[in-house]
C-alpha cells in the first residue's frame, strides 16, 4: 500500500466544508510563547490530507507521539481508521485537549500510520518551538503601565 501525507498542520481550529470538500485551517500553531512551565496547549487540531492509491482498502491506525527535548516519546493518541476504497484523497481532523508542555525548545508531534501487520506506512512531523517570553504587567483596564488610550 502506498500512502503519503502532502499536508499536516497543528492549529487551534480546522473544518472541512461538507458541500465543497475544502479544508480550512485557523490559527496555525508553529511556536508557543510561555511565561512559565509547565503549561499545555488547551485545544488543538491536527489536520491531515492523506493520498493513497485508489485500489487500496485497508484498516490502518493513526498514532500521534509528542517528542519533547530531552524526554522520551509520549503516545498522545492512537485511533483506528478504515480507508475508504473509493477515495484517493482523504481529509482528516484530529481534535485534542491538553497537550502538556514541560520544557522549552523544539518539540515535535510525530504522526505515524500503521497497518494491520504493524508496518509503518508513512510518517509526518509537526515542529513546534516553545520559548520563554517575559510577563508584561497590565494596569487597570488591561493596559500596560503608561500605555495611552487610542
Foldseek 3Di string as FASTA:
>chain_A
DAKDWPDKFKAQDWDQDPPPRDIDGPHTAAEAEDADDWDWDFKIKIKTKMFDDLQDWFKKKKWKWKADPPDDIDTPDIGIDTDDNHDGIDIDMDMDGTGIDGDFAKMKIKIFIAGPVRDTNDIDIRIYGYYYDHDADADPPRHGPPDDDD
